[in-house]
Amino acid sequence: MKTSPVKLPKETRIICLPFSRTSYPNIVETPELFRHELDEKITRFPELFPKEIEQGYLMKDSRVSKHLKLLTRRIKVGKYSYTIRPSFVTPYWTGFVDDVEKALFLRKFAVPFWALTYVFGHSDMYWYRLEQHIGHVSIVGTTVRNPDGLPEHLVADEKHSKDRGEKCYVATTCGSNCVFGASIAMKADEASLTDAYGVFKTEARQLKADYQPKTVNTDGWSATILAWQTLFSGILIIACFLHIYIKLRDRAKVKFKALFGEVADKLWDCYKSPTKASFSQRLRQLDEWLQAKEAPDFMQERVAKMRVNKTSFTAAYDYSEAHRTSNAVDRLMGFMDRYLFATRYFHGKYWIAAEYSIRSWALIYNFAPSNPATVRLHHGLKSPAECLNQFRYHENWLQNLLISSSQKGVFVPPLNAR
């Protein structure tokens, strides 16, 4: 299990910028043109550069990539040197984005590495390492362009999985149809979940130092609640209404099918209550109706417990944008579930391989193109990240991801984590 606190994401010495593959050779070979292009991008996209760039920079040196035969330049900002990598080149200069983006798009649907090798060439390890590298960058920093775009209302849950046959949990944080956190916890206790959800807090606070979400919707698991209260003091915990329905349905749908239909209608009437007072009134009436009907004990106990904890449900009325159900995370975890099942869960030698794998999936989900019908529905915005930011750096989704990750921090795993 993870035993040491999550470190702050470290800075990278790589700056990824949008360049055209056709015009780049001429620009990079001419210092004057390169500086002019760089100055223009600093003005347009200051978030892609280190903050010290405001004080100016120096042209340092250049080298030629042995593999791609492309010239690259370095600049000096303050006391550090940064390599400028064009967006059409993959990390570590292993290839061109146009040659790999379709293969990585298929990883959104868990197409196995051997199949990618069969169709696109290279080797299984080539695709594996390429995907793993995506998981190194900050999920929050890469996905959210404007710090003010960080969601105030979150949904969190744990996806049950396996790491080399051992039970584990993927602590998942979602909002605005994006995955903002996905980290492995080997236990479902408060300490382990605080550590796992803490990765999201670390990345969010790096993007916005005073970030404080207002609400988080959970399924009611006490360790999850305590973890979020530890990470963000004052956060309002909202209980998921949908889980009440599911728990009743799972026990009543066969033996008490007719009665459950009536109970479900009355339960959803409670959900549709316009005010706190009407919610409390309808919940009380449901409780009294169940007693008069002499309903099964599990139904009465579930609704009675709901009445005792009604403030956890009515708290959502204080915020119109708060999540009253966990649907926003359940739906995305459905995609995660299919991905994990197709890959037969995690089976790398070290736990960090599992961490990078699920982080890569989260970023690919956030940036890879959605269904064409969904794209039309969102007026041409191709991915959840584009919908969140109302912006894209590049038409190519993978180039957009790589550019977005520029200077947004790198995930640093804790030492002696297992």
Protein backbone atom coordinates (compact mmCIF):
# COMPACT_ATOMS: atom_id res chain seq x y z
CA MET A 1 0.00 0.00 0.00
CA LYS A 2 1.02 3.63 -0.27
CA THR A 3 2.70 4.70 2.95
CA SER A 4 4.20 8.11 2.30
CA PRO A 5 2.40 11.32 1.33
CA VAL A 6 2.01 12.31 -2.29
CA LYS A 7 4.68 14.75 -3.38
CA LEU A 8 4.02 17.87 -5.38
CA PRO A 9 4.24 17.29 -9.13
CA LYS A 10 7.71 18.33 -10.24
CA GLU A 11 8.41 20.78 -13.01
CA THR A 12 9.50 19.49 -16.39
CA ARG A 13 12.18 20.95 -18.58
CA ILE A 14 10.15 20.31 -21.73
CA ILE A 15 7.91 22.92 -23.34
CA CYS A 16 5.52 21.46 -25.93
CA LEU A 17 4.24 23.98 -28.46
CA PRO A 18 1.98 23.81 -31.53
CA PHE A 19 4.05 23.76 -34.71
CA SER A 20 3.23 22.68 -38.24
CA ARG A 21 5.26 19.69 -39.39
CA THR A 22 5.80 21.29 -42.79
CA SER A 23 6.96 24.72 -41.60
CA TYR A 24 8.88 23.65 -38.48
CA PRO A 25 12.19 22.68 -40.19
CA ASN A 26 12.55 26.11 -41.78
CA ILE A 27 11.58 27.92 -38.56
CA VAL A 28 13.86 25.98 -36.21
CA GLU A 29 16.89 26.27 -38.50
CA THR A 30 16.61 30.07 -38.55
CA PRO A 31 17.21 31.61 -35.09
CA GLU A 32 15.42 34.84 -35.96
CA LEU A 33 12.31 33.03 -37.21
CA PHE A 34 12.36 30.70 -34.22
CA ARG A 35 12.52 33.58 -31.73
CA HIS A 36 9.73 35.41 -33.56
CA GLU A 37 7.55 32.29 -33.45
CA LEU A 38 8.36 31.75 -29.78
CA ASP A 39 7.51 35.35 -28.86
CA GLU A 40 4.16 35.03 -30.60
CA LYS A 41 3.32 31.84 -28.70
CA ILE A 42 4.37 33.37 -25.37
CA THR A 43 1.88 36.16 -26.02
CA ARG A 44 -0.94 33.81 -27.09
CA PHE A 45 -0.36 30.91 -24.69
CA PRO A 46 1.57 32.09 -21.61
CA GLU A 47 0.23 29.12 -19.61
CA LEU A 48 2.41 26.75 -21.66
CA PHE A 49 5.63 28.35 -20.41
CA PRO A 50 7.31 28.65 -17.00
CA LYS A 51 6.20 31.79 -15.14
CA GLU A 52 9.73 33.19 -15.26
CA ILE A 53 9.39 33.61 -19.03
CA GLU A 54 7.93 37.06 -18.26
CA GLN A 55 11.47 38.16 -17.34
CA GLY A 56 12.75 37.10 -20.75
CA TYR A 57 14.74 34.17 -22.09
CA LEU A 58 17.96 33.37 -23.91
CA MET A 59 18.51 31.15 -26.94
CA LYS A 60 20.87 28.44 -25.71
CA ASP A 61 21.79 25.61 -28.06
CA SER A 62 20.40 23.08 -30.51
CA ARG A 63 20.75 19.40 -31.32
CA VAL A 64 19.47 16.93 -33.90
CA SER A 65 17.28 13.99 -32.89
CA LYS A 66 19.09 10.81 -33.96
CA HIS A 67 15.85 8.92 -34.46
CA LEU A 68 13.71 11.53 -36.24
CA LYS A 69 16.52 13.61 -37.80
CA LEU A 70 14.83 16.79 -36.57
CA LEU A 71 16.55 19.84 -35.15
CA THR A 72 15.43 20.99 -31.70
CA ARG A 73 16.40 24.05 -29.72
CA ARG A 74 16.78 24.87 -26.05
CA ILE A 75 16.14 28.16 -24.32
CA LYS A 76 17.30 29.39 -20.93
CA VAL A 77 14.70 30.85 -18.59
CA GLY A 78 16.18 32.07 -15.32
CA LYS A 79 18.70 29.44 -14.21
CA TYR A 80 17.06 26.52 -16.03
CA SER A 81 17.25 25.27 -19.60
CA TYR A 82 14.12 24.09 -21.41
CA THR A 83 13.81 22.00 -24.55
CA ILE A 84 11.19 23.15 -27.06
CA ARG A 85 9.39 20.10 -28.45
CA PRO A 86 6.99 20.56 -31.39
CA SER A 87 3.54 19.10 -30.77
CA PHE A 88 3.69 16.81 -33.80
CA VAL A 89 6.47 14.78 -32.10
CA THR A 90 5.77 12.20 -29.38
CA PRO A 91 7.49 12.36 -25.97
CA TYR A 92 11.15 11.32 -25.99
CA TRP A 93 11.13 11.92 -29.75
CA THR A 94 10.11 8.33 -30.43
CA GLY A 95 7.87 9.10 -33.41
CA PHE A 96 5.36 11.42 -35.02
CA VAL A 97 1.92 12.03 -33.56
CA ASP A 98 0.18 11.41 -36.89
CA ASP A 99 1.61 7.89 -36.90
CA VAL A 100 0.41 6.94 -33.40
CA GLU A 101 -2.70 8.96 -32.54
CA LYS A 102 -5.18 6.51 -34.08
CA ALA A 103 -3.60 3.62 -32.20
CA LEU A 104 -3.76 5.52 -28.90
CA PHE A 105 -7.35 6.49 -29.67
CA LEU A 106 -8.17 2.76 -29.76
CA ARG A 107 -6.74 2.41 -26.25
CA LYS A 108 -9.79 4.35 -25.10
CA PHE A 109 -11.64 1.13 -25.91
CA ALA A 110 -8.90 -1.14 -24.48
CA VAL A 111 -7.77 -2.57 -27.82
CA PRO A 112 -4.80 -4.76 -26.74
CA PHE A 113 -1.23 -3.80 -27.52
CA TRP A 114 -0.64 -6.89 -29.67
CA ALA A 115 -3.55 -5.82 -31.89
CA LEU A 116 -2.04 -2.33 -32.24
CA THR A 117 1.24 -3.95 -33.25
CA TYR A 118 -0.54 -6.11 -35.83
CA VAL A 119 -2.30 -3.12 -37.41
CA PHE A 120 0.16 -0.26 -36.92
CA GLY A 121 3.53 -1.99 -36.58
CA HIS A 122 6.29 -1.34 -34.01
CA SER A 123 6.10 -3.64 -30.96
CA ASP A 124 3.82 -4.29 -28.00
CA MET A 125 6.27 -2.58 -25.63
CA TYR A 126 6.45 0.46 -27.92
CA TRP A 127 2.71 1.07 -27.50
CA TYR A 128 2.79 0.18 -23.82
CA ARG A 129 5.53 2.70 -23.04
CA LEU A 130 3.90 5.37 -25.16
CA GLU A 131 0.64 5.00 -23.23
CA GLN A 132 2.40 4.81 -19.86
CA HIS A 133 4.18 8.10 -20.54
CA ILE A 134 0.86 9.90 -20.94
CA GLY A 135 0.05 8.96 -17.34
CA HIS A 136 3.12 10.80 -16.05
CA VAL A 137 1.60 14.26 -16.52
CA SER A 138 -0.82 16.00 -14.17
CA ILE A 139 -4.42 14.98 -14.92
CA VAL A 140 -5.91 18.16 -13.47
CA GLY A 141 -3.31 20.55 -14.89
CA THR A 142 -3.53 19.01 -18.35
CA THR A 143 -7.33 18.84 -18.47
CA VAL A 144 -8.14 22.28 -17.02
CA ARG A 145 -6.74 25.21 -18.99
CA ASN A 146 -8.07 28.03 -16.80
CA PRO A 147 -7.66 27.58 -13.02
CA ASP A 148 -11.10 29.15 -12.56
CA GLY A 149 -12.49 26.23 -14.57
CA LEU A 150 -11.85 23.81 -11.71
CA PRO A 151 -15.24 22.40 -10.70
CA GLU A 152 -16.73 23.50 -7.40
CA HIS A 153 -18.99 20.46 -7.23
CA LEU A 154 -17.45 17.00 -7.47
CA VAL A 155 -18.49 13.36 -7.44
CA ALA A 156 -16.24 10.66 -5.99
CA ASP A 157 -16.33 6.89 -5.77
CA GLU A 158 -14.04 3.86 -5.72
CA LYS A 159 -13.89 1.34 -8.55
CA HIS A 160 -13.17 -2.16 -7.24
CA SER A 161 -10.36 -3.81 -9.17
CA LYS A 162 -7.41 -6.19 -8.83
CA ASP A 163 -3.67 -5.70 -8.95
CA ARG A 164 -1.93 -9.04 -9.60
CA GLY A 165 -4.91 -10.78 -8.06
CA GLU A 166 -4.93 -8.59 -4.96
CA LYS A 167 -7.99 -6.47 -4.23
CA CYS A 168 -7.50 -2.78 -4.94
CA TYR A 169 -9.61 0.32 -5.45
CA VAL A 170 -9.39 3.12 -8.00
CA ALA A 171 -10.27 6.34 -6.16
CA THR A 172 -12.03 8.31 -8.89
CA THR A 173 -12.90 12.01 -8.87
CA CYS A 174 -15.14 13.43 -11.59
CA GLY A 175 -16.90 16.63 -12.54
CA SER A 176 -18.01 18.45 -15.69
CA ASN A 177 -17.96 15.10 -17.55
CA CYS A 178 -14.18 14.82 -17.02
CA VAL A 179 -12.06 12.51 -14.91
CA PHE A 180 -9.95 14.68 -12.60
CA GLY A 181 -8.49 11.98 -10.41
CA ALA A 182 -7.80 8.25 -10.68
CA SER A 183 -5.43 6.72 -8.18
CA ILE A 184 -4.89 3.24 -6.76
CA ALA A 185 -5.63 2.41 -3.11
CA MET A 186 -4.85 -1.07 -1.82
CA LYS A 187 -7.34 -0.74 1.05
CA ALA A 188 -10.71 0.98 1.39
CA ASP A 189 -9.88 2.54 4.76
CA GLU A 190 -9.61 6.23 5.59
CA ALA A 191 -5.81 6.43 5.40
CA SER A 192 -5.53 4.67 2.03
CA LEU A 193 -8.37 6.64 0.44
CA THR A 194 -7.04 9.93 1.82
CA ASP A 195 -3.73 9.13 0.15
CA ALA A 196 -5.39 8.18 -3.15
CA TYR A 197 -7.82 11.11 -3.32
CA GLY A 198 -4.96 13.33 -2.15
CA VAL A 199 -3.39 13.05 -5.59
CA PHE A 200 -6.32 15.06 -6.98
CA LYS A 201 -5.94 17.67 -4.25
CA THR A 202 -2.20 18.00 -4.91
CA GLU A 203 -2.68 18.53 -8.64
CA ALA A 204 -5.63 20.90 -8.16
CA ARG A 205 -3.76 23.02 -5.61
CA GLN A 206 -0.76 23.23 -7.93
CA LEU A 207 -3.04 24.71 -10.58
CA LYS A 208 -4.89 26.94 -8.11
CA ALA A 209 -3.32 27.32 -4.67
CA ASP A 210 -6.55 28.28 -2.88
CA TYR A 211 -8.78 25.72 -4.60
CA GLN A 212 -11.62 24.61 -2.34
CA PRO A 213 -14.52 22.58 -3.75
CA LYS A 214 -17.89 23.34 -2.21
CA THR A 215 -19.52 19.91 -2.40
CA VAL A 216 -18.74 16.29 -3.18
CA ASN A 217 -21.28 13.56 -3.75
CA THR A 218 -20.41 10.11 -2.38
CA ASP A 219 -22.14 6.76 -1.96
CA GLY A 220 -22.03 7.08 1.82
CA TRP A 221 -18.97 4.92 2.52
CA SER A 222 -17.60 6.33 5.78
CA ALA A 223 -13.92 6.08 4.78
CA THR A 224 -14.63 8.06 1.60
CA ILE A 225 -16.44 10.77 3.57
CA LEU A 226 -13.65 11.01 6.16
CA ALA A 227 -11.02 11.16 3.42
CA TRP A 228 -12.67 14.14 1.73
CA GLN A 229 -13.25 15.92 5.04
CA THR A 230 -9.57 15.44 5.85
CA LEU A 231 -8.42 16.75 2.48
CA PHE A 232 -10.82 19.72 2.24
CA SER A 233 -12.03 21.01 5.58
CA GLY A 234 -15.47 22.56 5.30
CA ILE A 235 -16.47 20.65 2.18
CA LEU A 236 -20.15 19.70 2.13
CA ILE A 237 -20.74 15.96 1.78
CA ILE A 238 -23.86 15.04 -0.19
CA ALA A 239 -25.26 11.51 -0.02
CA CYS A 240 -26.18 9.83 -3.29
CA PHE A 241 -29.96 9.46 -3.61
CA LEU A 242 -29.60 6.90 -6.40
CA HIS A 243 -27.83 4.44 -4.09
CA ILE A 244 -30.91 4.29 -1.85
CA TYR A 245 -33.02 3.28 -4.83
CA ILE A 246 -30.45 0.71 -5.98
CA LYS A 247 -30.17 -0.93 -2.56
CA LEU A 248 -33.95 -1.26 -2.33
CA ARG A 249 -34.24 -2.52 -5.90
CA ASP A 250 -31.58 -5.18 -5.51
CA ARG A 251 -33.40 -6.79 -2.59
CA ALA A 252 -36.99 -6.25 -3.71
CA LYS A 253 -37.12 -6.61 -7.50
CA VAL A 254 -38.01 -10.33 -7.43
CA LYS A 255 -39.82 -11.24 -4.21
CA PHE A 256 -41.53 -7.86 -3.66
CA LYS A 257 -41.78 -6.66 -7.26
CA ALA A 258 -45.28 -5.13 -7.04
CA LEU A 259 -44.62 -3.37 -3.74
CA PHE A 260 -41.28 -2.10 -4.96
CA GLY A 261 -42.97 -0.40 -7.92
CA GLU A 262 -45.08 1.68 -5.52
CA VAL A 263 -42.13 2.39 -3.24
CA ALA A 264 -39.97 3.47 -6.17
CA ASP A 265 -42.63 5.93 -7.39
CA LYS A 266 -42.92 7.49 -3.94
CA LEU A 267 -39.15 7.56 -3.52
CA TRP A 268 -38.68 9.46 -6.77
CA ASP A 269 -41.45 11.83 -5.72
CA CYS A 270 -39.23 12.66 -2.76
CA TYR A 271 -36.32 13.27 -5.11
CA LYS A 272 -38.39 15.68 -7.20
CA SER A 273 -39.32 17.78 -4.17
CA PRO A 274 -38.71 21.47 -4.94
CA THR A 275 -37.65 22.44 -1.41
CA LYS A 276 -36.03 21.00 1.70
CA ALA A 277 -39.32 21.19 3.57
CA SER A 278 -41.28 19.29 0.93
CA PHE A 279 -38.50 16.68 0.71
CA SER A 280 -38.68 16.08 4.46
CA GLN A 281 -42.47 15.95 4.35
CA ARG A 282 -42.62 13.43 1.50
CA LEU A 283 -39.92 11.30 3.12
CA ARG A 284 -41.89 11.24 6.37
CA GLN A 285 -45.05 10.29 4.48
CA LEU A 286 -43.17 7.46 2.73
CA ASP A 287 -41.92 6.16 6.06
CA GLU A 288 -45.43 6.21 7.54
CA TRP A 289 -46.88 4.56 4.42
CA LEU A 290 -44.34 1.71 4.64
CA GLN A 291 -45.25 1.13 8.27
CA ALA A 292 -48.97 1.09 7.48
CA LYS A 293 -48.35 -1.34 4.63
CA GLU A 294 -46.29 -3.55 6.94
CA ALA A 295 -43.55 -3.52 4.32
CA PRO A 296 -40.51 -5.79 4.73
CA ASP A 297 -38.11 -4.75 7.46
CA PHE A 298 -35.26 -3.94 5.06
CA MET A 299 -37.45 -1.36 3.29
CA GLN A 300 -38.58 0.27 6.51
CA GLU A 301 -35.07 0.30 7.93
CA ARG A 302 -33.59 1.82 4.78
CA VAL A 303 -36.12 4.67 4.66
CA ALA A 304 -35.93 5.20 8.43
CA LYS A 305 -32.15 5.50 8.18
CA MET A 306 -32.62 7.93 5.33
CA ARG A 307 -34.83 10.10 7.55
CA VAL A 308 -32.16 10.12 10.26
CA ASN A 309 -29.55 11.24 7.72
CA LYS A 310 -31.84 13.49 5.69
CA THR A 311 -29.52 16.49 6.04
CA SER A 312 -26.99 14.63 3.87
CA PHE A 313 -29.61 14.60 1.11
CA THR A 314 -31.18 18.04 1.64
CA ALA A 315 -27.75 19.72 1.67
CA ALA A 316 -27.85 19.68 -2.14
CA TYR A 317 -30.71 22.21 -2.11
CA ASP A 318 -28.23 24.89 -0.99
CA TYR A 319 -26.34 24.61 -4.30
CA SER A 320 -28.20 24.43 -7.58
CA GLU A 321 -25.20 22.89 -9.40
CA ALA A 322 -24.40 20.27 -6.75
CA HIS A 323 -24.71 16.60 -7.70
CA ARG A 324 -27.62 14.85 -5.98
CA THR A 325 -26.67 11.44 -7.36
CA SER A 326 -23.37 9.77 -8.23
CA ASN A 327 -24.42 9.39 -11.88
CA ALA A 328 -21.66 11.77 -13.02
CA VAL A 329 -18.99 9.37 -11.74
CA ASP A 330 -20.91 6.11 -12.26
CA ARG A 331 -21.26 6.78 -15.98
CA LEU A 332 -17.54 7.42 -16.45
CA MET A 333 -16.67 4.47 -14.22
CA GLY A 334 -18.75 2.37 -16.59
CA PHE A 335 -16.18 3.16 -19.31
CA MET A 336 -13.42 2.45 -16.80
CA ASP A 337 -15.02 -0.88 -15.89
CA ARG A 338 -15.05 -2.03 -19.51
CA TYR A 339 -11.44 -0.92 -19.92
CA LEU A 340 -10.30 -2.79 -16.79
CA PHE A 341 -12.22 -5.94 -17.71
CA ALA A 342 -10.76 -5.98 -21.23
CA THR A 343 -7.22 -5.63 -19.86
CA ARG A 344 -7.91 -8.24 -17.15
CA TYR A 345 -7.21 -5.59 -14.54
CA PHE A 346 -3.69 -4.67 -13.38
CA HIS A 347 -0.87 -7.17 -13.58
CA GLY A 348 2.41 -5.24 -13.77
CA LYS A 349 5.35 -6.11 -11.53
CA TYR A 350 5.16 -2.77 -9.69
CA TRP A 351 2.09 -0.90 -8.46
CA ILE A 352 3.21 2.28 -10.22
CA ALA A 353 2.55 0.58 -13.57
CA ALA A 354 -1.10 0.29 -12.53
CA GLU A 355 -1.12 3.93 -11.43
CA TYR A 356 0.28 5.18 -14.74
CA SER A 357 -2.07 2.90 -16.65
CA ILE A 358 -5.27 4.23 -15.08
CA ARG A 359 -4.00 7.83 -15.25
CA SER A 360 -3.32 7.35 -18.96
CA TRP A 361 -6.82 6.02 -19.47
CA ALA A 362 -8.26 9.07 -17.68
CA LEU A 363 -6.37 11.53 -19.89
CA ILE A 364 -7.16 9.64 -23.07
CA TYR A 365 -10.84 9.64 -22.07
CA ASN A 366 -10.73 13.40 -21.41
CA PHE A 367 -9.07 14.27 -24.73
CA ALA A 368 -9.91 11.56 -27.27
CA PRO A 369 -12.76 12.34 -29.70
CA SER A 370 -16.28 11.53 -28.60
CA ASN A 371 -19.00 9.89 -30.67
CA PRO A 372 -19.79 12.06 -33.76
CA ALA A 373 -23.36 12.52 -32.52
CA THR A 374 -22.01 13.86 -29.23
CA VAL A 375 -19.65 16.19 -31.10
CA ARG A 376 -22.60 17.59 -33.08
CA LEU A 377 -24.56 18.01 -29.85
CA HIS A 378 -21.73 20.13 -28.44
CA HIS A 379 -21.38 22.24 -31.60
CA GLY A 380 -18.10 20.75 -32.81
CA LEU A 381 -16.31 20.42 -29.47
CA LYS A 382 -14.73 16.99 -29.84
CA SER A 383 -13.90 15.84 -26.32
CA PRO A 384 -14.85 16.34 -22.65
CA ALA A 385 -11.75 18.51 -22.16
CA GLU A 386 -12.73 20.74 -25.09
CA CYS A 387 -16.25 21.06 -23.71
CA LEU A 388 -14.85 22.03 -20.30
CA ASN A 389 -12.42 24.63 -21.65
CA GLN A 390 -14.42 25.71 -24.71
CA PHE A 391 -11.05 25.71 -26.41
CA ARG A 392 -8.47 23.50 -28.14
CA TYR A 393 -4.86 24.16 -29.04
CA HIS A 394 -4.90 21.85 -32.05
CA GLU A 395 -7.38 19.95 -34.21
CA ASN A 396 -5.52 16.70 -33.56
CA TRP A 397 -6.65 15.33 -30.18
CA LEU A 398 -3.25 13.89 -29.20
CA GLN A 399 -1.42 17.08 -30.10
CA ASN A 400 -4.02 18.95 -28.07
CA LEU A 401 -3.28 16.68 -25.09
CA LEU A 402 0.49 17.01 -25.39
CA ILE A 403 0.33 20.80 -25.71
CA SER A 404 -2.09 21.04 -22.78
CA SER A 405 0.36 19.12 -20.58
CA SER A 406 3.18 21.61 -21.17
CA GLN A 407 4.53 22.92 -17.85
CA LYS A 408 1.54 21.50 -15.94
CA GLY A 409 3.57 19.25 -13.65
CA VAL A 410 4.53 15.59 -13.58
CA PHE A 411 3.08 13.01 -11.20
CA VAL A 412 5.70 11.88 -8.68
CA PRO A 413 4.86 8.58 -6.93
CA PRO A 414 5.56 8.32 -3.19
CA LEU A 415 8.65 6.40 -2.13
CA ASN A 416 8.30 2.89 -0.66
CA ALA A 417 4.67 2.90 -1.70
CA ARG A 418 4.08 -0.82 -1.36
